[in-house]
Amino acid sequence: MEQIKKTAQYTIFKKNSGRYAVKGRKGVKWVSGDDKVKILVDEQLVTLPEPKAAPAEAEAASEE
């Protein structure tokens, strides 16, 4: 793994697979889930997908 960025709160690594890993303060625990996503988005390493538009069938049914 390659170290990308180190701050006082966490360290970001890039795995050989291209994915990211985040280790917490002082290298004690790995960060996962929503906390990891928030850190990676704040550092502009990943972007969140845009929500999909509602299907056209649902709109037609609600108008009737």
PDB file of N, CA and C in Angstrom:
ATOM      1  N   MET A   1       0.845  -1.183   0.000  1.00  0.00           N
ATOM      2  CA  MET A   1       0.000   0.000   0.000  1.00  0.00           C
ATOM      3  C   MET A   1       0.882   1.236   0.000  1.00  0.00           C
ATOM      4  N   GLU A   2       0.393   2.246  -0.686  1.00  0.00           N
ATOM      5  CA  GLU A   2       1.103   3.512  -0.806  1.00  0.00           C
ATOM      6  C   GLU A   2       0.405   4.553   0.054  1.00  0.00           C
ATOM      7  N   GLN A   3       1.167   5.264   0.885  1.00  0.00           N
ATOM      8  CA  GLN A   3       0.590   6.303   1.728  1.00  0.00           C
ATOM      9  C   GLN A   3       0.321   7.536   0.879  1.00  0.00           C
ATOM     10  N   ILE A   4      -0.928   8.012   0.881  1.00  0.00           N
ATOM     11  CA  ILE A   4      -1.331   9.164   0.087  1.00  0.00           C
ATOM     12  C   ILE A   4      -1.244  10.450   0.901  1.00  0.00           C
ATOM     13  N   LYS A   5      -1.840  10.441   2.090  1.00  0.00           N
ATOM     14  CA  LYS A   5      -1.889  11.644   2.911  1.00  0.00           C
ATOM     15  C   LYS A   5      -1.949  11.264   4.379  1.00  0.00           C
ATOM     16  N   LYS A   6      -1.276  12.057   5.213  1.00  0.00           N
ATOM     17  CA  LYS A   6      -1.294  11.817   6.649  1.00  0.00           C
ATOM     18  C   LYS A   6      -1.669  13.115   7.351  1.00  0.00           C
ATOM     19  N   THR A   7      -2.668  13.042   8.225  1.00  0.00           N
ATOM     20  CA  THR A   7      -3.077  14.186   9.032  1.00  0.00           C
ATOM     21  C   THR A   7      -3.017  13.771  10.498  1.00  0.00           C
ATOM     22  N   ALA A   8      -3.402  14.673  11.382  1.00  0.00           N
ATOM     23  CA  ALA A   8      -3.397  14.359  12.809  1.00  0.00           C
ATOM     24  C   ALA A   8      -4.474  13.335  13.163  1.00  0.00           C
ATOM     25  N   GLN A   9      -5.574  13.293  12.379  1.00  0.00           N
ATOM     26  CA  GLN A   9      -6.687  12.411  12.701  1.00  0.00           C
ATOM     27  C   GLN A   9      -6.629  11.071  11.971  1.00  0.00           C
ATOM     28  N   TYR A  10      -6.041  11.012  10.780  1.00  0.00           N
ATOM     29  CA  TYR A  10      -6.068   9.784   9.999  1.00  0.00           C
ATOM     30  C   TYR A  10      -4.941   9.746   8.979  1.00  0.00           C
ATOM     31  N   THR A  11      -4.726   8.555   8.409  1.00  0.00           N
ATOM     32  CA  THR A  11      -3.774   8.347   7.330  1.00  0.00           C
ATOM     33  C   THR A  11      -4.504   7.636   6.204  1.00  0.00           C
ATOM     34  N   ILE A  12      -4.336   8.140   4.970  1.00  0.00           N
ATOM     35  CA  ILE A  12      -4.994   7.549   3.811  1.00  0.00           C
ATOM     36  C   ILE A  12      -3.971   6.768   3.007  1.00  0.00           C
ATOM     37  N   PHE A  13      -4.330   5.532   2.663  1.00  0.00           N
ATOM     38  CA  PHE A  13      -3.471   4.665   1.855  1.00  0.00           C
ATOM     39  C   PHE A  13      -4.202   4.310   0.569  1.00  0.00           C
ATOM     40  N   LYS A  14      -3.443   4.068  -0.507  1.00  0.00           N
ATOM     41  CA  LYS A  14      -4.016   3.558  -1.750  1.00  0.00           C
ATOM     42  C   LYS A  14      -3.514   2.140  -1.919  1.00  0.00           C
ATOM     43  N   LYS A  15      -4.452   1.203  -2.050  1.00  0.00           N
ATOM     44  CA  LYS A  15      -4.111  -0.208  -2.204  1.00  0.00           C
ATOM     45  C   LYS A  15      -3.663  -0.486  -3.633  1.00  0.00           C
ATOM     46  N   ASN A  16      -3.051  -1.630  -3.849  1.00  0.00           N
ATOM     47  CA  ASN A  16      -2.628  -2.028  -5.185  1.00  0.00           C
ATOM     48  C   ASN A  16      -3.818  -2.209  -6.121  1.00  0.00           C
ATOM     49  N   SER A  17      -4.984  -2.480  -5.565  1.00  0.00           N
ATOM     50  CA  SER A  17      -6.196  -2.662  -6.362  1.00  0.00           C
ATOM     51  C   SER A  17      -6.796  -1.331  -6.805  1.00  0.00           C
ATOM     52  N   GLY A  18      -6.272  -0.210  -6.309  1.00  0.00           N
ATOM     53  CA  GLY A  18      -6.786   1.102  -6.665  1.00  0.00           C
ATOM     54  C   GLY A  18      -7.781   1.653  -5.661  1.00  0.00           C
ATOM     55  N   ARG A  19      -8.165   0.844  -4.686  1.00  0.00           N
ATOM     56  CA  ARG A  19      -9.108   1.282  -3.662  1.00  0.00           C
ATOM     57  C   ARG A  19      -8.342   1.981  -2.547  1.00  0.00           C
ATOM     58  N   TYR A  20      -9.086   2.677  -1.673  1.00  0.00           N
ATOM     59  CA  TYR A  20      -8.464   3.431  -0.594  1.00  0.00           C
ATOM     60  C   TYR A  20      -8.735   2.783   0.755  1.00  0.00           C
ATOM     61  N   ALA A  21      -7.794   2.962   1.658  1.00  0.00           N
ATOM     62  CA  ALA A  21      -7.938   2.514   3.041  1.00  0.00           C
ATOM     63  C   ALA A  21      -7.622   3.711   3.929  1.00  0.00           C
ATOM     64  N   VAL A  22      -8.345   3.830   5.048  1.00  0.00           N
ATOM     65  CA  VAL A  22      -8.134   4.939   5.968  1.00  0.00           C
ATOM     66  C   VAL A  22      -7.886   4.364   7.350  1.00  0.00           C
ATOM     67  N   LYS A  23      -6.770   4.751   7.942  1.00  0.00           N
ATOM     68  CA  LYS A  23      -6.415   4.295   9.282  1.00  0.00           C
ATOM     69  C   LYS A  23      -6.584   5.464  10.239  1.00  0.00           C
ATOM     70  N   GLY A  24      -7.175   5.206  11.380  1.00  0.00           N
ATOM     71  CA  GLY A  24      -7.465   6.244  12.360  1.00  0.00           C
ATOM     72  C   GLY A  24      -6.229   6.810  13.030  1.00  0.00           C
ATOM     73  N   ARG A  25      -6.471   7.648  14.007  1.00  0.00           N
ATOM     74  CA  ARG A  25      -5.417   8.347  14.734  1.00  0.00           C
ATOM     75  C   ARG A  25      -4.381   7.373  15.304  1.00  0.00           C
ATOM     76  N   LYS A  26      -3.137   7.687  15.115  1.00  0.00           N
ATOM     77  CA  LYS A  26      -1.992   6.920  15.625  1.00  0.00           C
ATOM     78  C   LYS A  26      -1.968   5.483  15.124  1.00  0.00           C
ATOM     79  N   GLY A  27      -2.662   5.195  14.024  1.00  0.00           N
ATOM     80  CA  GLY A  27      -2.617   3.872  13.427  1.00  0.00           C
ATOM     81  C   GLY A  27      -3.228   2.773  14.257  1.00  0.00           C
ATOM     82  N   VAL A  28      -4.194   3.109  15.088  1.00  0.00           N
ATOM     83  CA  VAL A  28      -4.785   2.114  15.978  1.00  0.00           C
ATOM     84  C   VAL A  28      -5.865   1.285  15.274  1.00  0.00           C
ATOM     85  N   LYS A  29      -6.844   1.937  14.637  1.00  0.00           N
ATOM     86  CA  LYS A  29      -7.957   1.223  14.017  1.00  0.00           C
ATOM     87  C   LYS A  29      -8.181   1.722  12.598  1.00  0.00           C
ATOM     88  N   TRP A  30      -8.701   0.812  11.750  1.00  0.00           N
ATOM     89  CA  TRP A  30      -9.081   1.171  10.396  1.00  0.00           C
ATOM     90  C   TRP A  30     -10.453   1.831  10.432  1.00  0.00           C
ATOM     91  N   VAL A  31     -10.646   2.845   9.610  1.00  0.00           N
ATOM     92  CA  VAL A  31     -11.922   3.545   9.508  1.00  0.00           C
ATOM     93  C   VAL A  31     -12.700   2.924   8.355  1.00  0.00           C
ATOM     94  N   SER A  32     -14.012   2.718   8.541  1.00  0.00           N
ATOM     95  CA  SER A  32     -14.824   2.130   7.478  1.00  0.00           C
ATOM     96  C   SER A  32     -16.205   2.769   7.469  1.00  0.00           C
ATOM     97  N   GLY A  33     -16.978   2.419   6.473  1.00  0.00           N
ATOM     98  CA  GLY A  33     -18.362   2.869   6.388  1.00  0.00           C
ATOM     99  C   GLY A  33     -18.494   4.325   6.005  1.00  0.00           C
ATOM    100  N   ASP A  34     -19.515   4.973   6.559  1.00  0.00           N
ATOM    101  CA  ASP A  34     -19.819   6.360   6.216  1.00  0.00           C
ATOM    102  C   ASP A  34     -18.692   7.312   6.609  1.00  0.00           C
ATOM    103  N   ASP A  35     -17.982   7.009   7.693  1.00  0.00           N
ATOM    104  CA  ASP A  35     -16.871   7.864   8.111  1.00  0.00           C
ATOM    105  C   ASP A  35     -15.766   7.866   7.058  1.00  0.00           C
ATOM    106  N   LYS A  36     -15.468   6.707   6.515  1.00  0.00           N
ATOM    107  CA  LYS A  36     -14.438   6.579   5.478  1.00  0.00           C
ATOM    108  C   LYS A  36     -14.855   7.333   4.218  1.00  0.00           C
ATOM    109  N   VAL A  37     -16.109   7.190   3.820  1.00  0.00           N
ATOM    110  CA  VAL A  37     -16.606   7.871   2.623  1.00  0.00           C
ATOM    111  C   VAL A  37     -16.509   9.378   2.801  1.00  0.00           C
ATOM    112  N   LYS A  38     -16.891   9.880   3.976  1.00  0.00           N
ATOM    113  CA  LYS A  38     -16.844  11.316   4.247  1.00  0.00           C
ATOM    114  C   LYS A  38     -15.410  11.838   4.147  1.00  0.00           C
ATOM    115  N   ILE A  39     -14.449  11.115   4.701  1.00  0.00           N
ATOM    116  CA  ILE A  39     -13.052  11.522   4.651  1.00  0.00           C
ATOM    117  C   ILE A  39     -12.554  11.562   3.208  1.00  0.00           C
ATOM    118  N   LEU A  40     -12.848  10.526   2.432  1.00  0.00           N
ATOM    119  CA  LEU A  40     -12.384  10.459   1.044  1.00  0.00           C
ATOM    120  C   LEU A  40     -13.036  11.528   0.174  1.00  0.00           C
ATOM    121  N   VAL A  41     -14.297  11.854   0.415  1.00  0.00           N
ATOM    122  CA  VAL A  41     -14.966  12.914  -0.335  1.00  0.00           C
ATOM    123  C   VAL A  41     -14.379  14.271   0.046  1.00  0.00           C
ATOM    124  N   ASP A  42     -14.135  14.498   1.338  1.00  0.00           N
ATOM    125  CA  ASP A  42     -13.544  15.759   1.792  1.00  0.00           C
ATOM    126  C   ASP A  42     -12.163  15.978   1.183  1.00  0.00           C
ATOM    127  N   GLU A  43     -11.400  14.909   0.996  1.00  0.00           N
ATOM    128  CA  GLU A  43     -10.057  14.999   0.413  1.00  0.00           C
ATOM    129  C   GLU A  43     -10.097  14.981  -1.110  1.00  0.00           C
ATOM    130  N   GLN A  44     -11.285  14.902  -1.690  1.00  0.00           N
ATOM    131  CA  GLN A  44     -11.511  14.889  -3.137  1.00  0.00           C
ATOM    132  C   GLN A  44     -10.808  13.725  -3.831  1.00  0.00           C
ATOM    133  N   LEU A  45     -10.771  12.579  -3.179  1.00  0.00           N
ATOM    134  CA  LEU A  45     -10.213  11.374  -3.783  1.00  0.00           C
ATOM    135  C   LEU A  45     -11.286  10.555  -4.487  1.00  0.00           C
ATOM    136  N   VAL A  46     -12.524  10.657  -4.022  1.00  0.00           N
ATOM    137  CA  VAL A  46     -13.648   9.976  -4.657  1.00  0.00           C
ATOM    138  C   VAL A  46     -14.807  10.966  -4.750  1.00  0.00           C
ATOM    139  N   THR A  47     -15.760  10.672  -5.639  1.00  0.00           N
ATOM    140  CA  THR A  47     -16.970  11.469  -5.742  1.00  0.00           C
ATOM    141  C   THR A  47     -18.165  10.552  -5.542  1.00  0.00           C
ATOM    142  N   LEU A  48     -19.207  11.082  -4.972  1.00  0.00           N
ATOM    143  CA  LEU A  48     -20.423  10.310  -4.759  1.00  0.00           C
ATOM    144  C   LEU A  48     -21.245  10.323  -6.042  1.00  0.00           C
ATOM    145  N   PRO A  49     -21.893   9.210  -6.383  1.00  0.00           N
ATOM    146  CA  PRO A  49     -22.725   9.184  -7.586  1.00  0.00           C
ATOM    147  C   PRO A  49     -23.966  10.051  -7.397  1.00  0.00           C
ATOM    148  N   GLU A  50     -24.438  10.625  -8.503  1.00  0.00           N
ATOM    149  CA  GLU A  50     -25.660  11.430  -8.462  1.00  0.00           C
ATOM    150  C   GLU A  50     -26.853  10.494  -8.284  1.00  0.00           C
ATOM    151  N   PRO A  51     -27.872  10.914  -7.516  1.00  0.00           N
ATOM    152  CA  PRO A  51     -29.056  10.063  -7.370  1.00  0.00           C
ATOM    153  C   PRO A  51     -29.774   9.898  -8.708  1.00  0.00           C
ATOM    154  N   LYS A  52     -30.315   8.723  -8.933  1.00  0.00           N
ATOM    155  CA  LYS A  52     -31.013   8.440 -10.191  1.00  0.00           C
ATOM    156  C   LYS A  52     -32.358   9.167 -10.213  1.00  0.00           C
ATOM    157  N   ALA A  53     -32.781   9.549 -11.407  1.00  0.00           N
ATOM    158  CA  ALA A  53     -34.073  10.197 -11.573  1.00  0.00           C
ATOM    159  C   ALA A  53     -35.185   9.163 -11.372  1.00  0.00           C
ATOM    160  N   ALA A  54     -36.335   9.638 -10.947  1.00  0.00           N
ATOM    161  CA  ALA A  54     -37.480   8.744 -10.736  1.00  0.00           C
ATOM    162  C   ALA A  54     -37.910   8.167 -12.073  1.00  0.00           C
ATOM    163  N   PRO A  55     -38.344   6.926 -12.094  1.00  0.00           N
ATOM    164  CA  PRO A  55     -38.791   6.320 -13.359  1.00  0.00           C
ATOM    165  C   PRO A  55     -40.000   7.056 -13.933  1.00  0.00           C
ATOM    166  N   ALA A  56     -40.110   7.090 -15.259  1.00  0.00           N
ATOM    167  CA  ALA A  56     -41.194   7.790 -15.932  1.00  0.00           C
ATOM    168  C   ALA A  56     -42.545   7.145 -15.638  1.00  0.00           C
ATOM    169  N   GLU A  57     -42.599   5.842 -15.424  1.00  0.00           N
ATOM    170  CA  GLU A  57     -43.849   5.148 -15.132  1.00  0.00           C
ATOM    171  C   GLU A  57     -44.472   5.649 -13.830  1.00  0.00           C
ATOM    172  N   ALA A  58     -43.656   5.905 -12.833  1.00  0.00           N
ATOM    173  CA  ALA A  58     -44.173   6.378 -11.561  1.00  0.00           C
ATOM    174  C   ALA A  58     -44.774   7.774 -11.704  1.00  0.00           C
ATOM    175  N   GLU A  59     -44.188   8.601 -12.542  1.00  0.00           N
ATOM    176  CA  GLU A  59     -44.713   9.954 -12.753  1.00  0.00           C
ATOM    177  C   GLU A  59     -46.048   9.896 -13.480  1.00  0.00           C
ATOM    178  N   ALA A  60     -46.174   9.022 -14.484  1.00  0.00           N
ATOM    179  CA  ALA A  60     -47.415   8.904 -15.244  1.00  0.00           C
ATOM    180  C   ALA A  60     -48.556   8.386 -14.352  1.00  0.00           C
ATOM    181  N   ALA A  61     -48.259   7.449 -13.502  1.00  0.00           N
ATOM    182  CA  ALA A  61     -49.264   6.883 -12.615  1.00  0.00           C
ATOM    183  C   ALA A  61     -49.722   7.909 -11.577  1.00  0.00           C
ATOM    184  N   SER A  62     -48.844   8.754 -11.112  1.00  0.00           N
ATOM    185  CA  SER A  62     -49.212   9.741 -10.099  1.00  0.00           C
ATOM    186  C   SER A  62     -50.047  10.876 -10.683  1.00  0.00           C
ATOM    187  N   GLU A  63     -49.917  11.140 -11.992  1.00  0.00           N
ATOM    188  CA  GLU A  63     -50.695  12.194 -12.639  1.00  0.00           C
ATOM    189  C   GLU A  63     -52.146  11.790 -12.824  1.00  0.00           C
ATOM    190  N   GLU A  64     -52.418  10.518 -12.985  1.00  0.00           N
ATOM    191  CA  GLU A  64     -53.788  10.040 -13.238  1.00  0.00           C
ATOM    192  C   GLU A  64     -54.597   9.973 -12.012  1.00  0.00           C
TER     193      GLU A  64
END
